[in-house]
Protein backbone atom coordinates (compact mmCIF):
# COMPACT_ATOMS: atom_id res chain seq x y z
CA UNK A 1 0.00 0.00 0.00
CA UNK A 2 1.22 3.51 -0.78
CA UNK A 3 2.26 6.02 1.88
CA UNK A 4 -0.66 7.54 3.75
CA UNK A 5 -2.10 10.73 2.27
CA UNK A 6 -4.00 12.76 4.90
CA UNK A 7 -7.56 13.74 4.04
CA UNK A 8 -8.92 17.29 4.28
CA UNK A 9 -9.88 18.34 7.81
CA UNK A 10 -13.39 19.28 6.67
CA UNK A 11 -13.92 15.69 5.47
CA UNK A 12 -12.58 14.29 8.74
CA UNK A 13 -15.38 16.17 10.55
CA UNK A 14 -18.00 14.09 8.72
CA UNK A 15 -16.31 10.88 9.84
CA UNK A 16 -16.19 12.09 13.43
CA UNK A 17 -19.88 13.02 13.33
CA UNK A 18 -20.75 9.61 11.89
CA UNK A 19 -18.88 7.97 14.78
CA UNK A 20 -20.45 10.19 17.45
CA UNK A 21 -23.93 9.43 16.10
CA UNK A 22 -23.15 5.75 15.40
CA UNK A 23 -24.40 6.07 11.83
CA UNK A 24 -24.62 3.03 9.61
CA UNK A 25 -22.55 3.90 6.54
CA UNK A 26 -22.04 2.73 3.00
CA UNK A 27 -18.34 3.18 2.25
CA UNK A 28 -17.06 3.34 -1.32
CA UNK A 29 -13.41 2.29 -1.38
CA UNK A 30 -10.61 2.54 -3.90
CA UNK A 31 -10.71 -0.45 -6.18
CA UNK A 32 -14.51 -0.47 -6.26
CA UNK A 33 -15.25 -2.30 -3.00
CA UNK A 34 -18.37 -1.22 -1.13
CA UNK A 35 -18.68 -1.88 2.60
CA UNK A 36 -21.65 -1.43 4.90
CA UNK A 37 -21.01 -0.94 8.60
CA UNK A 38 -21.69 1.11 11.70
CA UNK A 39 -19.17 3.91 12.34
CA UNK A 40 -17.47 3.24 15.69
CA UNK A 41 -14.40 5.51 15.98
CA UNK A 42 -11.39 6.94 14.21
CA UNK A 43 -7.84 6.18 15.26
CA UNK A 44 -4.33 7.33 14.51
CA UNK A 45 -1.45 4.90 14.35
CA UNK A 46 2.27 5.23 15.07
CA UNK A 47 3.04 5.69 11.36
CA UNK A 48 0.74 8.80 11.38
CA UNK A 49 -1.96 7.05 9.32
CA UNK A 50 -5.61 7.56 10.25
CA UNK A 51 -8.27 4.86 10.21
CA UNK A 52 -12.04 4.49 10.48
CA UNK A 53 -13.24 1.60 12.62
CA UNK A 54 -16.56 0.15 11.52
CA UNK A 55 -18.64 -2.73 12.77
CA UNK A 56 -20.01 -4.99 10.04
CA UNK A 57 -22.37 -7.91 10.56
CA UNK A 58 -19.33 -10.22 10.33
CA UNK A 59 -16.47 -8.34 12.01
CA UNK A 60 -15.02 -5.08 13.27
CA UNK A 61 -12.88 -3.63 10.52
CA UNK A 62 -10.36 -0.77 10.29
CA UNK A 63 -10.15 1.09 6.98
CA UNK A 64 -7.43 3.62 6.21
CA UNK A 65 -9.04 7.00 5.53
CA UNK A 66 -7.21 7.66 2.26
CA UNK A 67 -8.70 4.43 0.90
CA UNK A 68 -12.26 5.75 1.36
CA UNK A 69 -13.60 7.54 -1.71
CA UNK A 70 -17.02 8.41 -0.23
CA UNK A 71 -19.35 7.71 2.67
CA UNK A 72 -23.14 7.73 2.69
CA UNK A 73 -25.19 7.40 5.87
CA UNK A 74 -27.91 4.82 5.38
CA UNK A 75 -30.01 6.13 8.28
CA UNK A 76 -33.02 8.18 7.26
CA UNK A 77 -32.77 11.71 8.64
CA UNK A 78 -28.97 11.70 8.99
CA UNK A 79 -27.29 15.09 9.35
CA UNK A 80 -25.53 14.76 5.99
CA UNK A 81 -25.76 12.83 2.73
CA UNK A 82 -23.05 11.34 0.53
CA UNK A 83 -19.64 12.94 1.18
CA UNK A 84 -16.52 12.56 -0.95
CA UNK A 85 -13.66 11.75 1.44
CA UNK A 86 -10.67 11.39 -0.89
CA UNK A 87 -10.20 11.56 -4.62
CA UNK A 88 -9.02 8.62 -6.71
CA UNK A 89 -5.35 8.73 -7.70
PDB file of N, CA and C in Angstrom:
ATOM      1  N   UNK A   1       0.852  -1.178   0.000  1.00  0.00           N
ATOM      2  CA  UNK A   1       0.000   0.000   0.000  1.00  0.00           C
ATOM      3  C   UNK A   1       0.899   1.243   0.000  1.00  0.00           C
ATOM      4  N   UNK A   2       0.462   2.261  -0.684  1.00  0.00           N
ATOM      5  CA  UNK A   2       1.225   3.512  -0.780  1.00  0.00           C
ATOM      6  C   UNK A   2       1.271   4.236   0.557  1.00  0.00           C
ATOM      7  N   UNK A   3       2.165   5.203   0.669  1.00  0.00           N
ATOM      8  CA  UNK A   3       2.262   6.020   1.875  1.00  0.00           C
ATOM      9  C   UNK A   3       0.933   6.731   2.125  1.00  0.00           C
ATOM     10  N   UNK A   4       0.599   6.901   3.374  1.00  0.00           N
ATOM     11  CA  UNK A   4      -0.658   7.540   3.751  1.00  0.00           C
ATOM     12  C   UNK A   4      -0.709   8.983   3.281  1.00  0.00           C
ATOM     13  N   UNK A   5      -1.843   9.358   2.706  1.00  0.00           N
ATOM     14  CA  UNK A   5      -2.102  10.730   2.269  1.00  0.00           C
ATOM     15  C   UNK A   5      -3.237  11.281   3.127  1.00  0.00           C
ATOM     16  N   UNK A   6      -2.954  12.234   4.028  1.00  0.00           N
ATOM     17  CA  UNK A   6      -4.004  12.758   4.902  1.00  0.00           C
ATOM     18  C   UNK A   6      -5.185  13.317   4.099  1.00  0.00           C
ATOM     19  N   UNK A   7      -6.369  13.184   4.678  1.00  0.00           N
ATOM     20  CA  UNK A   7      -7.564  13.738   4.041  1.00  0.00           C
ATOM     21  C   UNK A   7      -7.784  15.153   4.566  1.00  0.00           C
ATOM     22  N   UNK A   8      -8.618  15.918   3.876  1.00  0.00           N
ATOM     23  CA  UNK A   8      -8.925  17.291   4.284  1.00  0.00           C
ATOM     24  C   UNK A   8      -9.644  17.289   5.640  1.00  0.00           C
ATOM     25  N   UNK A   9      -9.291  18.245   6.480  1.00  0.00           N
ATOM     26  CA  UNK A   9      -9.883  18.339   7.814  1.00  0.00           C
ATOM     27  C   UNK A   9     -11.414  18.418   7.760  1.00  0.00           C
ATOM     28  N   UNK A  10     -11.937  19.137   6.788  1.00  0.00           N
ATOM     29  CA  UNK A  10     -13.393  19.276   6.668  1.00  0.00           C
ATOM     30  C   UNK A  10     -14.051  17.915   6.428  1.00  0.00           C
ATOM     31  N   UNK A  11     -13.377  17.029   5.728  1.00  0.00           N
ATOM     32  CA  UNK A  11     -13.918  15.687   5.471  1.00  0.00           C
ATOM     33  C   UNK A  11     -13.831  14.821   6.726  1.00  0.00           C
ATOM     34  N   UNK A  12     -12.766  15.030   7.491  1.00  0.00           N
ATOM     35  CA  UNK A  12     -12.584  14.288   8.739  1.00  0.00           C
ATOM     36  C   UNK A  12     -13.751  14.570   9.693  1.00  0.00           C
ATOM     37  N   UNK A  13     -14.256  15.794   9.678  1.00  0.00           N
ATOM     38  CA  UNK A  13     -15.377  16.168  10.547  1.00  0.00           C
ATOM     39  C   UNK A  13     -16.607  15.300  10.292  1.00  0.00           C
ATOM     40  N   UNK A  14     -16.870  14.957   9.035  1.00  0.00           N
ATOM     41  CA  UNK A  14     -18.003  14.089   8.722  1.00  0.00           C
ATOM     42  C   UNK A  14     -17.813  12.687   9.312  1.00  0.00           C
ATOM     43  N   UNK A  15     -16.594  12.196   9.263  1.00  0.00           N
ATOM     44  CA  UNK A  15     -16.309  10.876   9.836  1.00  0.00           C
ATOM     45  C   UNK A  15     -16.493  10.904  11.354  1.00  0.00           C
ATOM     46  N   UNK A  16     -16.026  11.962  11.986  1.00  0.00           N
ATOM     47  CA  UNK A  16     -16.190  12.094  13.433  1.00  0.00           C
ATOM     48  C   UNK A  16     -17.671  12.156  13.806  1.00  0.00           C
ATOM     49  N   UNK A  17     -18.448  12.930  13.060  1.00  0.00           N
ATOM     50  CA  UNK A  17     -19.884  13.024  13.328  1.00  0.00           C
ATOM     51  C   UNK A  17     -20.551  11.665  13.154  1.00  0.00           C
ATOM     52  N   UNK A  18     -20.180  10.938  12.118  1.00  0.00           N
ATOM     53  CA  UNK A  18     -20.749   9.609  11.892  1.00  0.00           C
ATOM     54  C   UNK A  18     -20.450   8.686  13.075  1.00  0.00           C
ATOM     55  N   UNK A  19     -19.255   8.794  13.631  1.00  0.00           N
ATOM     56  CA  UNK A  19     -18.885   7.966  14.783  1.00  0.00           C
ATOM     57  C   UNK A  19     -19.647   8.386  16.038  1.00  0.00           C
ATOM     58  N   UNK A  20     -19.735   9.688  16.274  1.00  0.00           N
ATOM     59  CA  UNK A  20     -20.451  10.189  17.455  1.00  0.00           C
ATOM     60  C   UNK A  20     -21.905   9.739  17.424  1.00  0.00           C
ATOM     61  N   UNK A  21     -22.515   9.795  16.242  1.00  0.00           N
ATOM     62  CA  UNK A  21     -23.927   9.426  16.103  1.00  0.00           C
ATOM     63  C   UNK A  21     -24.124   7.922  15.881  1.00  0.00           C
ATOM     64  N   UNK A  22     -23.041   7.195  15.644  1.00  0.00           N
ATOM     65  CA  UNK A  22     -23.150   5.751  15.401  1.00  0.00           C
ATOM     66  C   UNK A  22     -23.893   5.422  14.113  1.00  0.00           C
ATOM     67  N   UNK A  23     -23.686   6.262  13.096  1.00  0.00           N
ATOM     68  CA  UNK A  23     -24.403   6.074  11.830  1.00  0.00           C
ATOM     69  C   UNK A  23     -23.982   4.775  11.130  1.00  0.00           C
ATOM     70  N   UNK A  24     -24.961   4.092  10.568  1.00  0.00           N
ATOM     71  CA  UNK A  24     -24.622   3.033   9.614  1.00  0.00           C
ATOM     72  C   UNK A  24     -24.207   3.719   8.313  1.00  0.00           C
ATOM     73  N   UNK A  25     -23.105   3.262   7.733  1.00  0.00           N
ATOM     74  CA  UNK A  25     -22.554   3.899   6.537  1.00  0.00           C
ATOM     75  C   UNK A  25     -22.385   2.909   5.405  1.00  0.00           C
ATOM     76  N   UNK A  26     -22.512   3.418   4.194  1.00  0.00           N
ATOM     77  CA  UNK A  26     -22.041   2.731   2.998  1.00  0.00           C
ATOM     78  C   UNK A  26     -20.739   3.412   2.639  1.00  0.00           C
ATOM     79  N   UNK A  27     -19.653   2.647   2.620  1.00  0.00           N
ATOM     80  CA  UNK A  27     -18.338   3.176   2.251  1.00  0.00           C
ATOM     81  C   UNK A  27     -17.995   2.713   0.849  1.00  0.00           C
ATOM     82  N   UNK A  28     -17.567   3.653   0.023  1.00  0.00           N
ATOM     83  CA  UNK A  28     -17.064   3.341  -1.317  1.00  0.00           C
ATOM     84  C   UNK A  28     -15.544   3.446  -1.245  1.00  0.00           C
ATOM     85  N   UNK A  29     -14.862   2.338  -1.525  1.00  0.00           N
ATOM     86  CA  UNK A  29     -13.414   2.294  -1.376  1.00  0.00           C
ATOM     87  C   UNK A  29     -12.719   2.292  -2.719  1.00  0.00           C
ATOM     88  N   UNK A  30     -11.437   2.639  -2.692  1.00  0.00           N
ATOM     89  CA  UNK A  30     -10.610   2.538  -3.903  1.00  0.00           C
ATOM     90  C   UNK A  30     -10.657   1.091  -4.366  1.00  0.00           C
ATOM     91  N   UNK A  31     -10.648   0.897  -5.644  1.00  0.00           N
ATOM     92  CA  UNK A  31     -10.712  -0.454  -6.184  1.00  0.00           C
ATOM     93  C   UNK A  31     -12.135  -0.950  -6.381  1.00  0.00           C
ATOM     94  N   UNK A  32     -13.119  -0.126  -5.986  1.00  0.00           N
ATOM     95  CA  UNK A  32     -14.512  -0.469  -6.256  1.00  0.00           C
ATOM     96  C   UNK A  32     -15.243  -1.207  -5.149  1.00  0.00           C
ATOM     97  N   UNK A  33     -14.567  -1.596  -4.085  1.00  0.00           N
ATOM     98  CA  UNK A  33     -15.247  -2.304  -3.000  1.00  0.00           C
ATOM     99  C   UNK A  33     -16.229  -1.375  -2.302  1.00  0.00           C
ATOM    100  N   UNK A  34     -17.358  -1.950  -1.899  1.00  0.00           N
ATOM    101  CA  UNK A  34     -18.365  -1.220  -1.128  1.00  0.00           C
ATOM    102  C   UNK A  34     -18.580  -1.986   0.172  1.00  0.00           C
ATOM    103  N   UNK A  35     -18.572  -1.259   1.278  1.00  0.00           N
ATOM    104  CA  UNK A  35     -18.675  -1.878   2.596  1.00  0.00           C
ATOM    105  C   UNK A  35     -19.774  -1.182   3.379  1.00  0.00           C
ATOM    106  N   UNK A  36     -20.632  -1.964   4.009  1.00  0.00           N
ATOM    107  CA  UNK A  36     -21.651  -1.427   4.904  1.00  0.00           C
ATOM    108  C   UNK A  36     -21.241  -1.724   6.334  1.00  0.00           C
ATOM    109  N   UNK A  37     -21.339  -0.722   7.201  1.00  0.00           N
ATOM    110  CA  UNK A  37     -21.006  -0.940   8.601  1.00  0.00           C
ATOM    111  C   UNK A  37     -21.347   0.273   9.440  1.00  0.00           C
ATOM    112  N   UNK A  38     -21.399   0.048  10.739  1.00  0.00           N
ATOM    113  CA  UNK A  38     -21.686   1.110  11.698  1.00  0.00           C
ATOM    114  C   UNK A  38     -20.376   1.800  12.078  1.00  0.00           C
ATOM    115  N   UNK A  39     -20.354   3.127  11.969  1.00  0.00           N
ATOM    116  CA  UNK A  39     -19.169   3.908  12.335  1.00  0.00           C
ATOM    117  C   UNK A  39     -18.969   3.821  13.847  1.00  0.00           C
ATOM    118  N   UNK A  40     -17.768   3.395  14.270  1.00  0.00           N
ATOM    119  CA  UNK A  40     -17.470   3.243  15.687  1.00  0.00           C
ATOM    120  C   UNK A  40     -16.545   4.358  16.182  1.00  0.00           C
ATOM    121  N   UNK A  41     -15.375   4.496  15.555  1.00  0.00           N
ATOM    122  CA  UNK A  41     -14.403   5.506  15.982  1.00  0.00           C
ATOM    123  C   UNK A  41     -13.364   5.714  14.884  1.00  0.00           C
ATOM    124  N   UNK A  42     -12.567   6.744  15.048  1.00  0.00           N
ATOM    125  CA  UNK A  42     -11.388   6.939  14.208  1.00  0.00           C
ATOM    126  C   UNK A  42     -10.178   6.736  15.097  1.00  0.00           C
ATOM    127  N   UNK A  43      -9.065   6.364  14.481  1.00  0.00           N
ATOM    128  CA  UNK A  43      -7.842   6.181  15.259  1.00  0.00           C
ATOM    129  C   UNK A  43      -6.641   6.570  14.431  1.00  0.00           C
ATOM    130  N   UNK A  44      -5.612   7.016  15.130  1.00  0.00           N
ATOM    131  CA  UNK A  44      -4.326   7.332  14.508  1.00  0.00           C
ATOM    132  C   UNK A  44      -3.341   6.271  14.941  1.00  0.00           C
ATOM    133  N   UNK A  45      -2.444   5.927  14.047  1.00  0.00           N
ATOM    134  CA  UNK A  45      -1.447   4.901  14.349  1.00  0.00           C
ATOM    135  C   UNK A  45      -0.060   5.520  14.398  1.00  0.00           C
ATOM    136  N   UNK A  46       0.904   4.741  14.876  1.00  0.00           N
ATOM    137  CA  UNK A  46       2.272   5.227  15.071  1.00  0.00           C
ATOM    138  C   UNK A  46       2.892   5.770  13.788  1.00  0.00           C
ATOM    139  N   UNK A  47       2.489   5.226  12.636  1.00  0.00           N
ATOM    140  CA  UNK A  47       3.037   5.694  11.358  1.00  0.00           C
ATOM    141  C   UNK A  47       2.333   6.952  10.842  1.00  0.00           C
ATOM    142  N   UNK A  48       1.484   7.562  11.678  1.00  0.00           N
ATOM    143  CA  UNK A  48       0.738   8.799  11.375  1.00  0.00           C
ATOM    144  C   UNK A  48      -0.461   8.573  10.452  1.00  0.00           C
ATOM    145  N   UNK A  49      -0.774   7.324  10.132  1.00  0.00           N
ATOM    146  CA  UNK A  49      -1.957   7.046   9.316  1.00  0.00           C
ATOM    147  C   UNK A  49      -3.209   7.125  10.187  1.00  0.00           C
ATOM    148  N   UNK A  50      -4.341   7.430   9.549  1.00  0.00           N
ATOM    149  CA  UNK A  50      -5.614   7.561  10.247  1.00  0.00           C
ATOM    150  C   UNK A  50      -6.588   6.535   9.680  1.00  0.00           C
ATOM    151  N   UNK A  51      -7.414   5.979  10.556  1.00  0.00           N
ATOM    152  CA  UNK A  51      -8.275   4.860  10.213  1.00  0.00           C
ATOM    153  C   UNK A  51      -9.683   5.077  10.742  1.00  0.00           C
ATOM    154  N   UNK A  52     -10.660   4.534  10.031  1.00  0.00           N
ATOM    155  CA  UNK A  52     -12.045   4.490  10.484  1.00  0.00           C
ATOM    156  C   UNK A  52     -12.326   3.066  10.921  1.00  0.00           C
ATOM    157  N   UNK A  53     -12.859   2.915  12.119  1.00  0.00           N
ATOM    158  CA  UNK A  53     -13.240   1.598  12.621  1.00  0.00           C
ATOM    159  C   UNK A  53     -14.746   1.465  12.445  1.00  0.00           C
ATOM    160  N   UNK A  54     -15.137   0.415  11.743  1.00  0.00           N
ATOM    161  CA  UNK A  54     -16.565   0.152  11.522  1.00  0.00           C
ATOM    162  C   UNK A  54     -16.891  -1.256  12.003  1.00  0.00           C
ATOM    163  N   UNK A  55     -18.144  -1.427  12.361  1.00  0.00           N
ATOM    164  CA  UNK A  55     -18.636  -2.733  12.772  1.00  0.00           C
ATOM    165  C   UNK A  55     -19.555  -3.251  11.675  1.00  0.00           C
ATOM    166  N   UNK A  56     -19.174  -4.359  11.060  1.00  0.00           N
ATOM    167  CA  UNK A  56     -20.006  -4.986  10.037  1.00  0.00           C
ATOM    168  C   UNK A  56     -20.736  -6.166  10.684  1.00  0.00           C
ATOM    169  N   UNK A  57     -21.692  -6.753   9.989  1.00  0.00           N
ATOM    170  CA  UNK A  57     -22.373  -7.914  10.563  1.00  0.00           C
ATOM    171  C   UNK A  57     -21.417  -9.081  10.858  1.00  0.00           C
ATOM    172  N   UNK A  58     -20.266  -9.107  10.204  1.00  0.00           N
ATOM    173  CA  UNK A  58     -19.335 -10.223  10.332  1.00  0.00           C
ATOM    174  C   UNK A  58     -18.169  -9.922  11.275  1.00  0.00           C
ATOM    175  N   UNK A  59     -17.690  -8.654  11.270  1.00  0.00           N
ATOM    176  CA  UNK A  59     -16.467  -8.337  12.012  1.00  0.00           C
ATOM    177  C   UNK A  59     -16.352  -6.840  12.264  1.00  0.00           C
ATOM    178  N   UNK A  60     -15.423  -6.477  13.136  1.00  0.00           N
ATOM    179  CA  UNK A  60     -15.017  -5.082  13.273  1.00  0.00           C
ATOM    180  C   UNK A  60     -13.832  -4.903  12.334  1.00  0.00           C
ATOM    181  N   UNK A  61     -13.871  -3.823  11.571  1.00  0.00           N
ATOM    182  CA  UNK A  61     -12.876  -3.625  10.516  1.00  0.00           C
ATOM    183  C   UNK A  61     -12.320  -2.215  10.581  1.00  0.00           C
ATOM    184  N   UNK A  62     -11.018  -2.076  10.371  1.00  0.00           N
ATOM    185  CA  UNK A  62     -10.363  -0.770  10.285  1.00  0.00           C
ATOM    186  C   UNK A  62     -10.020  -0.492   8.833  1.00  0.00           C
ATOM    187  N   UNK A  63     -10.388   0.707   8.370  1.00  0.00           N
ATOM    188  CA  UNK A  63     -10.148   1.091   6.977  1.00  0.00           C
ATOM    189  C   UNK A  63      -9.377   2.406   6.974  1.00  0.00           C
ATOM    190  N   UNK A  64      -8.245   2.416   6.284  1.00  0.00           N
ATOM    191  CA  UNK A  64      -7.428   3.624   6.214  1.00  0.00           C
ATOM    192  C   UNK A  64      -8.199   4.719   5.487  1.00  0.00           C
ATOM    193  N   UNK A  65      -8.194   5.923   6.050  1.00  0.00           N
ATOM    194  CA  UNK A  65      -9.036   6.999   5.530  1.00  0.00           C
ATOM    195  C   UNK A  65      -8.753   7.351   4.083  1.00  0.00           C
ATOM    196  N   UNK A  66      -7.499   7.291   3.652  1.00  0.00           N
ATOM    197  CA  UNK A  66      -7.212   7.664   2.263  1.00  0.00           C
ATOM    198  C   UNK A  66      -7.621   6.573   1.269  1.00  0.00           C
ATOM    199  N   UNK A  67      -8.165   5.472   1.773  1.00  0.00           N
ATOM    200  CA  UNK A  67      -8.697   4.427   0.903  1.00  0.00           C
ATOM    201  C   UNK A  67     -10.206   4.557   0.727  1.00  0.00           C
ATOM    202  N   UNK A  68     -10.814   5.503   1.442  1.00  0.00           N
ATOM    203  CA  UNK A  68     -12.258   5.747   1.359  1.00  0.00           C
ATOM    204  C   UNK A  68     -12.515   6.850   0.342  1.00  0.00           C
ATOM    205  N   UNK A  69     -13.247   6.524  -0.711  1.00  0.00           N
ATOM    206  CA  UNK A  69     -13.605   7.539  -1.709  1.00  0.00           C
ATOM    207  C   UNK A  69     -14.788   8.365  -1.239  1.00  0.00           C
ATOM    208  N   UNK A  70     -15.813   7.692  -0.664  1.00  0.00           N
ATOM    209  CA  UNK A  70     -17.016   8.407  -0.232  1.00  0.00           C
ATOM    210  C   UNK A  70     -17.718   7.614   0.862  1.00  0.00           C
ATOM    211  N   UNK A  71     -18.483   8.344   1.677  1.00  0.00           N
ATOM    212  CA  UNK A  71     -19.348   7.712   2.673  1.00  0.00           C
ATOM    213  C   UNK A  71     -20.763   8.224   2.472  1.00  0.00           C
ATOM    214  N   UNK A  72     -21.727   7.358   2.739  1.00  0.00           N
ATOM    215  CA  UNK A  72     -23.136   7.729   2.689  1.00  0.00           C
ATOM    216  C   UNK A  72     -23.836   7.124   3.895  1.00  0.00           C
ATOM    217  N   UNK A  73     -24.405   7.954   4.771  1.00  0.00           N
ATOM    218  CA  UNK A  73     -25.186   7.400   5.873  1.00  0.00           C
ATOM    219  C   UNK A  73     -26.425   6.700   5.315  1.00  0.00           C
ATOM    220  N   UNK A  74     -26.737   5.551   5.859  1.00  0.00           N
ATOM    221  CA  UNK A  74     -27.913   4.819   5.384  1.00  0.00           C
ATOM    222  C   UNK A  74     -29.090   4.969   6.341  1.00  0.00           C
ATOM    223  N   UNK A  75     -28.956   5.847   7.320  1.00  0.00           N
ATOM    224  CA  UNK A  75     -30.006   6.135   8.284  1.00  0.00           C
ATOM    225  C   UNK A  75     -30.843   7.294   7.775  1.00  0.00           C
ATOM    226  N   UNK A  76     -32.141   7.089   7.688  1.00  0.00           N
ATOM    227  CA  UNK A  76     -33.016   8.175   7.257  1.00  0.00           C
ATOM    228  C   UNK A  76     -32.945   9.316   8.267  1.00  0.00           C
ATOM    229  N   UNK A  77     -32.835  10.543   7.779  1.00  0.00           N
ATOM    230  CA  UNK A  77     -32.769  11.712   8.638  1.00  0.00           C
ATOM    231  C   UNK A  77     -31.372  12.030   9.157  1.00  0.00           C
ATOM    232  N   UNK A  78     -30.347  11.412   8.574  1.00  0.00           N
ATOM    233  CA  UNK A  78     -28.969  11.697   8.985  1.00  0.00           C
ATOM    234  C   UNK A  78     -28.651  13.172   8.742  1.00  0.00           C
ATOM    235  N   UNK A  79     -27.657  13.679   9.443  1.00  0.00           N
ATOM    236  CA  UNK A  79     -27.290  15.093   9.351  1.00  0.00           C
ATOM    237  C   UNK A  79     -26.590  15.468   8.055  1.00  0.00           C
ATOM    238  N   UNK A  80     -26.181  14.489   7.266  1.00  0.00           N
ATOM    239  CA  UNK A  80     -25.535  14.759   5.987  1.00  0.00           C
ATOM    240  C   UNK A  80     -25.823  13.610   5.038  1.00  0.00           C
ATOM    241  N   UNK A  81     -25.585  13.856   3.754  1.00  0.00           N
ATOM    242  CA  UNK A  81     -25.759  12.825   2.734  1.00  0.00           C
ATOM    243  C   UNK A  81     -24.402  12.296   2.302  1.00  0.00           C
ATOM    244  N   UNK A  82     -24.301  11.888   1.058  1.00  0.00           N
ATOM    245  CA  UNK A  82     -23.046  11.340   0.528  1.00  0.00           C
ATOM    246  C   UNK A  82     -21.952  12.406   0.566  1.00  0.00           C
ATOM    247  N   UNK A  83     -20.773  12.019   1.069  1.00  0.00           N
ATOM    248  CA  UNK A  83     -19.643  12.935   1.180  1.00  0.00           C
ATOM    249  C   UNK A  83     -18.423  12.285   0.534  1.00  0.00           C
ATOM    250  N   UNK A  84     -17.774  13.007  -0.366  1.00  0.00           N
ATOM    251  CA  UNK A  84     -16.517  12.564  -0.955  1.00  0.00           C
ATOM    252  C   UNK A  84     -15.426  12.750   0.105  1.00  0.00           C
ATOM    253  N   UNK A  85     -14.709  11.689   0.419  1.00  0.00           N
ATOM    254  CA  UNK A  85     -13.658  11.753   1.442  1.00  0.00           C
ATOM    255  C   UNK A  85     -12.298  11.987   0.801  1.00  0.00           C
ATOM    256  N   UNK A  86     -11.933  11.183  -0.185  1.00  0.00           N
ATOM    257  CA  UNK A  86     -10.666  11.388  -0.887  1.00  0.00           C
ATOM    258  C   UNK A  86     -10.900  11.144  -2.369  1.00  0.00           C
ATOM    259  N   UNK A  87     -10.052  11.714  -3.176  1.00  0.00           N
ATOM    260  CA  UNK A  87     -10.200  11.557  -4.616  1.00  0.00           C
ATOM    261  C   UNK A  87      -9.338  10.400  -5.101  1.00  0.00           C
ATOM    262  N   UNK A  88      -9.773   9.747  -6.138  1.00  0.00           N
ATOM    263  CA  UNK A  88      -9.016   8.621  -6.709  1.00  0.00           C
ATOM    264  C   UNK A  88      -7.708   9.133  -7.295  1.00  0.00           C
ATOM    265  N   UNK A  89      -6.662   8.355  -7.130  1.00  0.00           N
ATOM    266  CA  UNK A  89      -5.352   8.731  -7.703  1.00  0.00           C
ATOM    267  C   UNK A  89      -4.954   7.730  -8.735  1.00  0.00           C
TER     268      UNK A  89
END
